[in-house]
Amino acid sequence: MAILPRHDEKCQCVIKFTFPCGGVCHLRVTQDTKQKFEAEPEYRAEMIGKAYQHFLKQKAEKQLIEEKKKIEEEKEKEMEKQQEETFRRSDNESLALSFVM
């Protein structure tokens, strides 16, 4: 279940879902939807389930982005390390050649 991307005059209410894991999800809805949510237990359970699935999806996407970022940072560090090693080798070779001459 996605939070509505644009402000819509019909959607004047917000339902806040707080999950036992500490996660929070907000859903902008119409007044009718909010009343149905508050009045009908089955509808409420369905909405909570959908909101939780949305929360888990967002959490997984965030975790995937963080993992990709970490991998990129590790690659950059490895490249820097290789460049430093190459630079040191070329300096050592230059010094060795200057001693030979």
PDB file of N, CA and C in Angstrom:
ATOM      1  N   MET A   1       0.848  -1.155   0.000  1.00  0.00           N
ATOM      2  CA  MET A   1       0.000   0.000   0.000  1.00  0.00           C
ATOM      3  C   MET A   1       0.901   1.228   0.000  1.00  0.00           C
ATOM      4  N   ALA A   2       0.725   2.097  -0.932  1.00  0.00           N
ATOM      5  CA  ALA A   2       1.585   3.268  -1.045  1.00  0.00           C
ATOM      6  C   ALA A   2       0.898   4.489  -0.457  1.00  0.00           C
ATOM      7  N   ILE A   3       1.706   5.349   0.083  1.00  0.00           N
ATOM      8  CA  ILE A   3       1.191   6.631   0.539  1.00  0.00           C
ATOM      9  C   ILE A   3       0.956   7.472  -0.707  1.00  0.00           C
ATOM     10  N   LEU A   4      -0.152   8.161  -0.762  1.00  0.00           N
ATOM     11  CA  LEU A   4      -0.499   8.920  -1.953  1.00  0.00           C
ATOM     12  C   LEU A   4       0.554   9.990  -2.229  1.00  0.00           C
ATOM     13  N   PRO A   5       1.050  10.069  -3.466  1.00  0.00           N
ATOM     14  CA  PRO A   5       2.132  10.985  -3.771  1.00  0.00           C
ATOM     15  C   PRO A   5       1.725  12.450  -3.842  1.00  0.00           C
ATOM     16  N   ARG A   6       0.499  12.728  -4.220  1.00  0.00           N
ATOM     17  CA  ARG A   6       0.068  14.114  -4.362  1.00  0.00           C
ATOM     18  C   ARG A   6      -0.994  14.448  -3.328  1.00  0.00           C
ATOM     19  N   HIS A   7      -1.030  15.730  -2.988  1.00  0.00           N
ATOM     20  CA  HIS A   7      -2.083  16.176  -2.082  1.00  0.00           C
ATOM     21  C   HIS A   7      -3.398  16.157  -2.853  1.00  0.00           C
ATOM     22  N   ASP A   8      -4.361  15.545  -2.277  1.00  0.00           N
ATOM     23  CA  ASP A   8      -5.672  15.441  -2.902  1.00  0.00           C
ATOM     24  C   ASP A   8      -6.671  15.996  -1.895  1.00  0.00           C
ATOM     25  N   GLU A   9      -7.551  16.855  -2.357  1.00  0.00           N
ATOM     26  CA  GLU A   9      -8.509  17.468  -1.439  1.00  0.00           C
ATOM     27  C   GLU A   9      -9.374  16.424  -0.746  1.00  0.00           C
ATOM     28  N   LYS A  10      -9.604  15.298  -1.403  1.00  0.00           N
ATOM     29  CA  LYS A  10     -10.411  14.241  -0.804  1.00  0.00           C
ATOM     30  C   LYS A  10      -9.672  13.562   0.348  1.00  0.00           C
ATOM     31  N   CYS A  11      -8.369  13.510   0.258  1.00  0.00           N
ATOM     32  CA  CYS A  11      -7.558  12.814   1.267  1.00  0.00           C
ATOM     33  C   CYS A  11      -7.141  13.796   2.353  1.00  0.00           C
ATOM     34  N   GLN A  12      -7.967  13.931   3.345  1.00  0.00           N
ATOM     35  CA  GLN A  12      -7.718  14.901   4.395  1.00  0.00           C
ATOM     36  C   GLN A  12      -7.296  14.253   5.711  1.00  0.00           C
ATOM     37  N   CYS A  13      -7.336  12.941   5.781  1.00  0.00           N
ATOM     38  CA  CYS A  13      -7.028  12.239   7.021  1.00  0.00           C
ATOM     39  C   CYS A  13      -5.751  11.423   6.860  1.00  0.00           C
ATOM     40  N   VAL A  14      -5.084  11.216   7.978  1.00  0.00           N
ATOM     41  CA  VAL A  14      -3.887  10.386   7.983  1.00  0.00           C
ATOM     42  C   VAL A  14      -4.069   9.295   9.021  1.00  0.00           C
ATOM     43  N   ILE A  15      -3.799   8.072   8.605  1.00  0.00           N
ATOM     44  CA  ILE A  15      -3.812   6.954   9.545  1.00  0.00           C
ATOM     45  C   ILE A  15      -2.357   6.609   9.822  1.00  0.00           C
ATOM     46  N   LYS A  16      -2.015   6.562  11.082  1.00  0.00           N
ATOM     47  CA  LYS A  16      -0.642   6.238  11.475  1.00  0.00           C
ATOM     48  C   LYS A  16      -0.615   4.793  11.968  1.00  0.00           C
ATOM     49  N   PHE A  17       0.281   4.017  11.384  1.00  0.00           N
ATOM     50  CA  PHE A  17       0.471   2.630  11.788  1.00  0.00           C
ATOM     51  C   PHE A  17       1.798   2.541  12.533  1.00  0.00           C
ATOM     52  N   THR A  18       1.765   2.028  13.747  1.00  0.00           N
ATOM     53  CA  THR A  18       2.986   1.803  14.516  1.00  0.00           C
ATOM     54  C   THR A  18       3.088   0.306  14.761  1.00  0.00           C
ATOM     55  N   PHE A  19       4.221  -0.264  14.386  1.00  0.00           N
ATOM     56  CA  PHE A  19       4.394  -1.711  14.464  1.00  0.00           C
ATOM     57  C   PHE A  19       5.263  -2.092  15.657  1.00  0.00           C
ATOM     58  N   PRO A  20       5.117  -3.320  16.163  1.00  0.00           N
ATOM     59  CA  PRO A  20       5.877  -3.768  17.344  1.00  0.00           C
ATOM     60  C   PRO A  20       7.396  -3.654  17.179  1.00  0.00           C
ATOM     61  N   CYS A  21       7.872  -3.732  15.939  1.00  0.00           N
ATOM     62  CA  CYS A  21       9.315  -3.645  15.695  1.00  0.00           C
ATOM     63  C   CYS A  21       9.819  -2.208  15.803  1.00  0.00           C
ATOM     64  N   GLY A  22       8.906  -1.265  15.987  1.00  0.00           N
ATOM     65  CA  GLY A  22       9.296   0.136  16.086  1.00  0.00           C
ATOM     66  C   GLY A  22       9.062   0.901  14.796  1.00  0.00           C
ATOM     67  N   GLY A  23       8.639   0.212  13.755  1.00  0.00           N
ATOM     68  CA  GLY A  23       8.400   0.866  12.473  1.00  0.00           C
ATOM     69  C   GLY A  23       7.118   1.675  12.487  1.00  0.00           C
ATOM     70  N   VAL A  24       7.107   2.700  11.646  1.00  0.00           N
ATOM     71  CA  VAL A  24       5.942   3.573  11.547  1.00  0.00           C
ATOM     72  C   VAL A  24       5.630   3.783  10.068  1.00  0.00           C
ATOM     73  N   CYS A  25       4.355   3.814   9.745  1.00  0.00           N
ATOM     74  CA  CYS A  25       3.909   4.052   8.375  1.00  0.00           C
ATOM     75  C   CYS A  25       2.693   4.975   8.443  1.00  0.00           C
ATOM     76  N   HIS A  26       2.670   5.982   7.588  1.00  0.00           N
ATOM     77  CA  HIS A  26       1.538   6.904   7.531  1.00  0.00           C
ATOM     78  C   HIS A  26       0.813   6.716   6.204  1.00  0.00           C
ATOM     79  N   LEU A  27      -0.498   6.774   6.250  1.00  0.00           N
ATOM     80  CA  LEU A  27      -1.297   6.625   5.043  1.00  0.00           C
ATOM     81  C   LEU A  27      -2.318   7.753   4.989  1.00  0.00           C
ATOM     82  N   ARG A  28      -2.275   8.502   3.891  1.00  0.00           N
ATOM     83  CA  ARG A  28      -3.228   9.582   3.694  1.00  0.00           C
ATOM     84  C   ARG A  28      -4.484   8.988   3.058  1.00  0.00           C
ATOM     85  N   VAL A  29      -5.627   9.202   3.679  1.00  0.00           N
ATOM     86  CA  VAL A  29      -6.881   8.586   3.212  1.00  0.00           C
ATOM     87  C   VAL A  29      -8.020   9.590   3.238  1.00  0.00           C
ATOM     88  N   THR A  30      -9.134   9.178   2.648  1.00  0.00           N
ATOM     89  CA  THR A  30     -10.348   9.999   2.701  1.00  0.00           C
ATOM     90  C   THR A  30     -11.017   9.806   4.061  1.00  0.00           C
ATOM     91  N   GLN A  31     -11.922  10.688   4.361  1.00  0.00           N
ATOM     92  CA  GLN A  31     -12.673  10.590   5.614  1.00  0.00           C
ATOM     93  C   GLN A  31     -13.477   9.293   5.641  1.00  0.00           C
ATOM     94  N   ASP A  32     -14.053   8.920   4.500  1.00  0.00           N
ATOM     95  CA  ASP A  32     -14.838   7.677   4.416  1.00  0.00           C
ATOM     96  C   ASP A  32     -13.974   6.454   4.722  1.00  0.00           C
ATOM     97  N   THR A  33     -12.772   6.430   4.161  1.00  0.00           N
ATOM     98  CA  THR A  33     -11.866   5.304   4.399  1.00  0.00           C
ATOM     99  C   THR A  33     -11.486   5.230   5.868  1.00  0.00           C
ATOM    100  N   LYS A  34     -11.231   6.387   6.472  1.00  0.00           N
ATOM    101  CA  LYS A  34     -10.864   6.397   7.891  1.00  0.00           C
ATOM    102  C   LYS A  34     -12.021   5.884   8.746  1.00  0.00           C
ATOM    103  N   GLN A  35     -13.232   6.304   8.430  1.00  0.00           N
ATOM    104  CA  GLN A  35     -14.394   5.842   9.187  1.00  0.00           C
ATOM    105  C   GLN A  35     -14.580   4.332   9.028  1.00  0.00           C
ATOM    106  N   LYS A  36     -14.393   3.838   7.807  1.00  0.00           N
ATOM    107  CA  LYS A  36     -14.503   2.399   7.564  1.00  0.00           C
ATOM    108  C   LYS A  36     -13.409   1.654   8.332  1.00  0.00           C
ATOM    109  N   PHE A  37     -12.211   2.219   8.344  1.00  0.00           N
ATOM    110  CA  PHE A  37     -11.077   1.641   9.067  1.00  0.00           C
ATOM    111  C   PHE A  37     -11.389   1.520  10.560  1.00  0.00           C
ATOM    112  N   GLU A  38     -12.001   2.555  11.107  1.00  0.00           N
ATOM    113  CA  GLU A  38     -12.318   2.564  12.538  1.00  0.00           C
ATOM    114  C   GLU A  38     -13.517   1.681  12.878  1.00  0.00           C
ATOM    115  N   ALA A  39     -14.434   1.502  11.927  1.00  0.00           N
ATOM    116  CA  ALA A  39     -15.680   0.782  12.215  1.00  0.00           C
ATOM    117  C   ALA A  39     -15.632  -0.717  11.918  1.00  0.00           C
ATOM    118  N   GLU A  40     -14.872  -1.122  10.917  1.00  0.00           N
ATOM    119  CA  GLU A  40     -14.896  -2.520  10.478  1.00  0.00           C
ATOM    120  C   GLU A  40     -13.586  -3.237  10.819  1.00  0.00           C
ATOM    121  N   PRO A  41     -13.645  -4.194  11.746  1.00  0.00           N
ATOM    122  CA  PRO A  41     -12.429  -4.912  12.161  1.00  0.00           C
ATOM    123  C   PRO A  41     -11.719  -5.647  11.021  1.00  0.00           C
ATOM    124  N   GLU A  42     -12.492  -6.240  10.097  1.00  0.00           N
ATOM    125  CA  GLU A  42     -11.855  -6.958   8.982  1.00  0.00           C
ATOM    126  C   GLU A  42     -11.094  -5.995   8.075  1.00  0.00           C
ATOM    127  N   TYR A  43     -11.726  -4.862   7.797  1.00  0.00           N
ATOM    128  CA  TYR A  43     -11.083  -3.855   6.949  1.00  0.00           C
ATOM    129  C   TYR A  43      -9.842  -3.306   7.647  1.00  0.00           C
ATOM    130  N   ARG A  44      -9.962  -3.084   8.946  1.00  0.00           N
ATOM    131  CA  ARG A  44      -8.831  -2.592   9.740  1.00  0.00           C
ATOM    132  C   ARG A  44      -7.664  -3.586   9.671  1.00  0.00           C
ATOM    133  N   ALA A  45      -7.964  -4.871   9.848  1.00  0.00           N
ATOM    134  CA  ALA A  45      -6.918  -5.897   9.801  1.00  0.00           C
ATOM    135  C   ALA A  45      -6.269  -5.943   8.418  1.00  0.00           C
ATOM    136  N   GLU A  46      -7.080  -5.817   7.381  1.00  0.00           N
ATOM    137  CA  GLU A  46      -6.557  -5.820   6.010  1.00  0.00           C
ATOM    138  C   GLU A  46      -5.632  -4.619   5.782  1.00  0.00           C
ATOM    139  N   MET A  47      -6.053  -3.454   6.230  1.00  0.00           N
ATOM    140  CA  MET A  47      -5.248  -2.237   6.065  1.00  0.00           C
ATOM    141  C   MET A  47      -3.939  -2.332   6.849  1.00  0.00           C
ATOM    142  N   ILE A  48      -4.015  -2.853   8.060  1.00  0.00           N
ATOM    143  CA  ILE A  48      -2.803  -3.007   8.869  1.00  0.00           C
ATOM    144  C   ILE A  48      -1.840  -3.967   8.177  1.00  0.00           C
ATOM    145  N   GLY A  49      -2.364  -5.060   7.650  1.00  0.00           N
ATOM    146  CA  GLY A  49      -1.529  -6.019   6.922  1.00  0.00           C
ATOM    147  C   GLY A  49      -0.857  -5.391   5.711  1.00  0.00           C
ATOM    148  N   LYS A  50      -1.614  -4.632   4.940  1.00  0.00           N
ATOM    149  CA  LYS A  50      -1.052  -3.969   3.760  1.00  0.00           C
ATOM    150  C   LYS A  50      -0.026  -2.913   4.160  1.00  0.00           C
ATOM    151  N   ALA A  51      -0.319  -2.166   5.203  1.00  0.00           N
ATOM    152  CA  ALA A  51       0.623  -1.142   5.667  1.00  0.00           C
ATOM    153  C   ALA A  51       1.918  -1.789   6.144  1.00  0.00           C
ATOM    154  N   TYR A  52       1.801  -2.912   6.832  1.00  0.00           N
ATOM    155  CA  TYR A  52       2.997  -3.601   7.322  1.00  0.00           C
ATOM    156  C   TYR A  52       3.819  -4.150   6.157  1.00  0.00           C
ATOM    157  N   GLN A  53       3.148  -4.693   5.149  1.00  0.00           N
ATOM    158  CA  GLN A  53       3.864  -5.183   3.965  1.00  0.00           C
ATOM    159  C   GLN A  53       4.585  -4.035   3.260  1.00  0.00           C
ATOM    160  N   HIS A  54       3.926  -2.884   3.184  1.00  0.00           N
ATOM    161  CA  HIS A  54       4.553  -1.698   2.588  1.00  0.00           C
ATOM    162  C   HIS A  54       5.776  -1.286   3.406  1.00  0.00           C
ATOM    163  N   PHE A  55       5.623  -1.285   4.713  1.00  0.00           N
ATOM    164  CA  PHE A  55       6.736  -0.932   5.600  1.00  0.00           C
ATOM    165  C   PHE A  55       7.911  -1.885   5.394  1.00  0.00           C
ATOM    166  N   LEU A  56       7.640  -3.186   5.350  1.00  0.00           N
ATOM    167  CA  LEU A  56       8.709  -4.177   5.156  1.00  0.00           C
ATOM    168  C   LEU A  56       9.394  -3.999   3.802  1.00  0.00           C
ATOM    169  N   LYS A  57       8.605  -3.690   2.781  1.00  0.00           N
ATOM    170  CA  LYS A  57       9.171  -3.470   1.448  1.00  0.00           C
ATOM    171  C   LYS A  57      10.105  -2.258   1.466  1.00  0.00           C
ATOM    172  N   GLN A  58       9.651  -1.177   2.088  1.00  0.00           N
ATOM    173  CA  GLN A  58      10.480   0.030   2.169  1.00  0.00           C
ATOM    174  C   GLN A  58      11.752  -0.235   2.967  1.00  0.00           C
ATOM    175  N   LYS A  59      11.611  -0.989   4.040  1.00  0.00           N
ATOM    176  CA  LYS A  59      12.765  -1.327   4.879  1.00  0.00           C
ATOM    177  C   LYS A  59      13.776  -2.160   4.089  1.00  0.00           C
ATOM    178  N   ALA A  60      13.285  -3.129   3.321  1.00  0.00           N
ATOM    179  CA  ALA A  60      14.165  -3.978   2.512  1.00  0.00           C
ATOM    180  C   ALA A  60      14.868  -3.158   1.434  1.00  0.00           C
ATOM    181  N   GLU A  61      14.138  -2.242   0.805  1.00  0.00           N
ATOM    182  CA  GLU A  61      14.741  -1.388  -0.219  1.00  0.00           C
ATOM    183  C   GLU A  61      15.828  -0.506   0.389  1.00  0.00           C
ATOM    184  N   LYS A  62      15.557   0.035   1.560  1.00  0.00           N
ATOM    185  CA  LYS A  62      16.548   0.876   2.238  1.00  0.00           C
ATOM    186  C   LYS A  62      17.794   0.058   2.576  1.00  0.00           C
ATOM    187  N   GLN A  63      17.588  -1.145   3.064  1.00  0.00           N
ATOM    188  CA  GLN A  63      18.708  -2.015   3.419  1.00  0.00           C
ATOM    189  C   GLN A  63      19.528  -2.368   2.180  1.00  0.00           C
ATOM    190  N   LEU A  64      18.854  -2.631   1.071  1.00  0.00           N
ATOM    191  CA  LEU A  64      19.546  -2.950  -0.177  1.00  0.00           C
ATOM    192  C   LEU A  64      20.387  -1.763  -0.648  1.00  0.00           C
ATOM    193  N   ILE A  65      19.836  -0.570  -0.561  1.00  0.00           N
ATOM    194  CA  ILE A  65      20.570   0.636  -0.948  1.00  0.00           C
ATOM    195  C   ILE A  65      21.793   0.815  -0.064  1.00  0.00           C
ATOM    196  N   GLU A  66      21.626   0.604   1.244  1.00  0.00           N
ATOM    197  CA  GLU A  66      22.755   0.735   2.168  1.00  0.00           C
ATOM    198  C   GLU A  66      23.840  -0.296   1.867  1.00  0.00           C
ATOM    199  N   GLU A  67      23.435  -1.527   1.538  1.00  0.00           N
ATOM    200  CA  GLU A  67      24.407  -2.569   1.206  1.00  0.00           C
ATOM    201  C   GLU A  67      25.168  -2.223  -0.072  1.00  0.00           C
ATOM    202  N   LYS A  68      24.452  -1.722  -1.082  1.00  0.00           N
ATOM    203  CA  LYS A  68      25.104  -1.320  -2.332  1.00  0.00           C
ATOM    204  C   LYS A  68      26.091  -0.183  -2.078  1.00  0.00           C
ATOM    205  N   LYS A  69      25.683   0.763  -1.238  1.00  0.00           N
ATOM    206  CA  LYS A  69      26.556   1.890  -0.909  1.00  0.00           C
ATOM    207  C   LYS A  69      27.816   1.390  -0.203  1.00  0.00           C
ATOM    208  N   LYS A  70      27.655   0.464   0.713  1.00  0.00           N
ATOM    209  CA  LYS A  70      28.792  -0.095   1.446  1.00  0.00           C
ATOM    210  C   LYS A  70      29.747  -0.812   0.492  1.00  0.00           C
ATOM    211  N   ILE A  71      29.203  -1.582  -0.447  1.00  0.00           N
ATOM    212  CA  ILE A  71      30.027  -2.289  -1.431  1.00  0.00           C
ATOM    213  C   ILE A  71      30.798  -1.286  -2.286  1.00  0.00           C
ATOM    214  N   GLU A  72      30.126  -0.222  -2.718  1.00  0.00           N
ATOM    215  CA  GLU A  72      30.794   0.808  -3.520  1.00  0.00           C
ATOM    216  C   GLU A  72      31.921   1.470  -2.730  1.00  0.00           C
ATOM    217  N   GLU A  73      31.668   1.765  -1.454  1.00  0.00           N
ATOM    218  CA  GLU A  73      32.700   2.376  -0.614  1.00  0.00           C
ATOM    219  C   GLU A  73      33.895   1.440  -0.460  1.00  0.00           C
ATOM    220  N   GLU A  74      33.623   0.155  -0.283  1.00  0.00           N
ATOM    221  CA  GLU A  74      34.710  -0.822  -0.163  1.00  0.00           C
ATOM    222  C   GLU A  74      35.508  -0.910  -1.461  1.00  0.00           C
ATOM    223  N   LYS A  75      34.822  -0.862  -2.609  1.00  0.00           N
ATOM    224  CA  LYS A  75      35.509  -0.885  -3.901  1.00  0.00           C
ATOM    225  C   LYS A  75      36.401   0.346  -4.051  1.00  0.00           C
ATOM    226  N   GLU A  76      35.875   1.511  -3.653  1.00  0.00           N
ATOM    227  CA  GLU A  76      36.655   2.744  -3.745  1.00  0.00           C
ATOM    228  C   GLU A  76      37.895   2.669  -2.862  1.00  0.00           C
ATOM    229  N   LYS A  77      37.742   2.155  -1.651  1.00  0.00           N
ATOM    230  CA  LYS A  77      38.889   2.011  -0.753  1.00  0.00           C
ATOM    231  C   LYS A  77      39.924   1.065  -1.346  1.00  0.00           C
ATOM    232  N   GLU A  78      39.460  -0.030  -1.932  1.00  0.00           N
ATOM    233  CA  GLU A  78      40.370  -1.000  -2.544  1.00  0.00           C
ATOM    234  C   GLU A  78      41.109  -0.372  -3.722  1.00  0.00           C
ATOM    235  N   MET A  79      40.397   0.415  -4.522  1.00  0.00           N
ATOM    236  CA  MET A  79      41.038   1.087  -5.656  1.00  0.00           C
ATOM    237  C   MET A  79      42.084   2.082  -5.171  1.00  0.00           C
ATOM    238  N   GLU A  80      41.753   2.838  -4.120  1.00  0.00           N
ATOM    239  CA  GLU A  80      42.713   3.787  -3.556  1.00  0.00           C
ATOM    240  C   GLU A  80      43.944   3.054  -3.036  1.00  0.00           C
ATOM    241  N   LYS A  81      43.713   1.939  -2.390  1.00  0.00           N
ATOM    242  CA  LYS A  81      44.811   1.132  -1.863  1.00  0.00           C
ATOM    243  C   LYS A  81      45.708   0.648  -3.001  1.00  0.00           C
ATOM    244  N   GLN A  82      45.100   0.174  -4.079  1.00  0.00           N
ATOM    245  CA  GLN A  82      45.860  -0.296  -5.239  1.00  0.00           C
ATOM    246  C   GLN A  82      46.638   0.846  -5.885  1.00  0.00           C
ATOM    247  N   GLN A  83      46.019   2.023  -5.964  1.00  0.00           N
ATOM    248  CA  GLN A  83      46.704   3.179  -6.538  1.00  0.00           C
ATOM    249  C   GLN A  83      47.904   3.578  -5.685  1.00  0.00           C
ATOM    250  N   GLU A  84      47.730   3.565  -4.363  1.00  0.00           N
ATOM    251  CA  GLU A  84      48.840   3.885  -3.465  1.00  0.00           C
ATOM    252  C   GLU A  84      49.965   2.869  -3.626  1.00  0.00           C
ATOM    253  N   GLU A  85      49.605   1.596  -3.727  1.00  0.00           N
ATOM    254  CA  GLU A  85      50.609   0.542  -3.898  1.00  0.00           C
ATOM    255  C   GLU A  85      51.348   0.718  -5.221  1.00  0.00           C
ATOM    256  N   THR A  86      50.627   1.025  -6.273  1.00  0.00           N
ATOM    257  CA  THR A  86      51.246   1.265  -7.581  1.00  0.00           C
ATOM    258  C   THR A  86      52.175   2.468  -7.514  1.00  0.00           C
ATOM    259  N   PHE A  87      51.743   3.519  -6.838  1.00  0.00           N
ATOM    260  CA  PHE A  87      52.561   4.723  -6.692  1.00  0.00           C
ATOM    261  C   PHE A  87      53.837   4.411  -5.912  1.00  0.00           C
ATOM    262  N   ARG A  88      53.709   3.638  -4.841  1.00  0.00           N
ATOM    263  CA  ARG A  88      54.885   3.259  -4.041  1.00  0.00           C
ATOM    264  C   ARG A  88      55.861   2.430  -4.873  1.00  0.00           C
ATOM    265  N   ARG A  89      55.341   1.493  -5.644  1.00  0.00           N
ATOM    266  CA  ARG A  89      56.203   0.658  -6.489  1.00  0.00           C
ATOM    267  C   ARG A  89      56.958   1.512  -7.501  1.00  0.00           C
ATOM    268  N   SER A  90      56.238   2.441  -8.126  1.00  0.00           N
ATOM    269  CA  SER A  90      56.900   3.279  -9.126  1.00  0.00           C
ATOM    270  C   SER A  90      57.951   4.167  -8.466  1.00  0.00           C
ATOM    271  N   ASP A  91      57.688   4.649  -7.249  1.00  0.00           N
ATOM    272  CA  ASP A  91      58.684   5.438  -6.512  1.00  0.00           C
ATOM    273  C   ASP A  91      59.890   4.582  -6.168  1.00  0.00           C
ATOM    274  N   ASN A  92      59.644   3.364  -5.691  1.00  0.00           N
ATOM    275  CA  ASN A  92      60.746   2.462  -5.339  1.00  0.00           C
ATOM    276  C   ASN A  92      61.574   2.110  -6.568  1.00  0.00           C
ATOM    277  N   GLU A  93      60.903   1.879  -7.694  1.00  0.00           N
ATOM    278  CA  GLU A  93      61.622   1.572  -8.927  1.00  0.00           C
ATOM    279  C   GLU A  93      62.445   2.770  -9.379  1.00  0.00           C
ATOM    280  N   SER A  94      61.898   3.961  -9.227  1.00  0.00           N
ATOM    281  CA  SER A  94      62.631   5.173  -9.600  1.00  0.00           C
ATOM    282  C   SER A  94      63.857   5.336  -8.722  1.00  0.00           C
ATOM    283  N   LEU A  95      63.697   5.091  -7.425  1.00  0.00           N
ATOM    284  CA  LEU A  95      64.832   5.191  -6.504  1.00  0.00           C
ATOM    285  C   LEU A  95      65.883   4.141  -6.837  1.00  0.00           C
ATOM    286  N   ALA A  96      65.462   2.937  -7.136  1.00  0.00           N
ATOM    287  CA  ALA A  96      66.397   1.867  -7.470  1.00  0.00           C
ATOM    288  C   ALA A  96      67.163   2.208  -8.740  1.00  0.00           C
ATOM    289  N   LEU A  97      66.482   2.761  -9.723  1.00  0.00           N
ATOM    290  CA  LEU A  97      67.151   3.143 -10.965  1.00  0.00           C
ATOM    291  C   LEU A  97      68.136   4.282 -10.737  1.00  0.00           C
ATOM    292  N   SER A  98      67.791   5.214  -9.856  1.00  0.00           N
ATOM    293  CA  SER A  98      68.704   6.333  -9.601  1.00  0.00           C
ATOM    294  C   SER A  98      69.959   5.856  -8.877  1.00  0.00           C
ATOM    295  N   PHE A  99      69.853   4.829  -8.038  1.00  0.00           N
ATOM    296  CA  PHE A  99      71.030   4.284  -7.361  1.00  0.00           C
ATOM    297  C   PHE A  99      71.910   3.504  -8.331  1.00  0.00           C
ATOM    298  N   VAL A 100      71.293   2.865  -9.303  1.00  0.00           N
ATOM    299  CA  VAL A 100      72.033   2.069 -10.279  1.00  0.00           C
ATOM    300  C   VAL A 100      72.840   2.982 -11.192  1.00  0.00           C
ATOM    301  N   MET A 101      72.332   4.098 -11.538  1.00  0.00           N
ATOM    302  CA  MET A 101      72.997   4.997 -12.474  1.00  0.00           C
ATOM    303  C   MET A 101      74.089   5.695 -11.801  1.00  0.00           C
TER     304      MET A 101
END
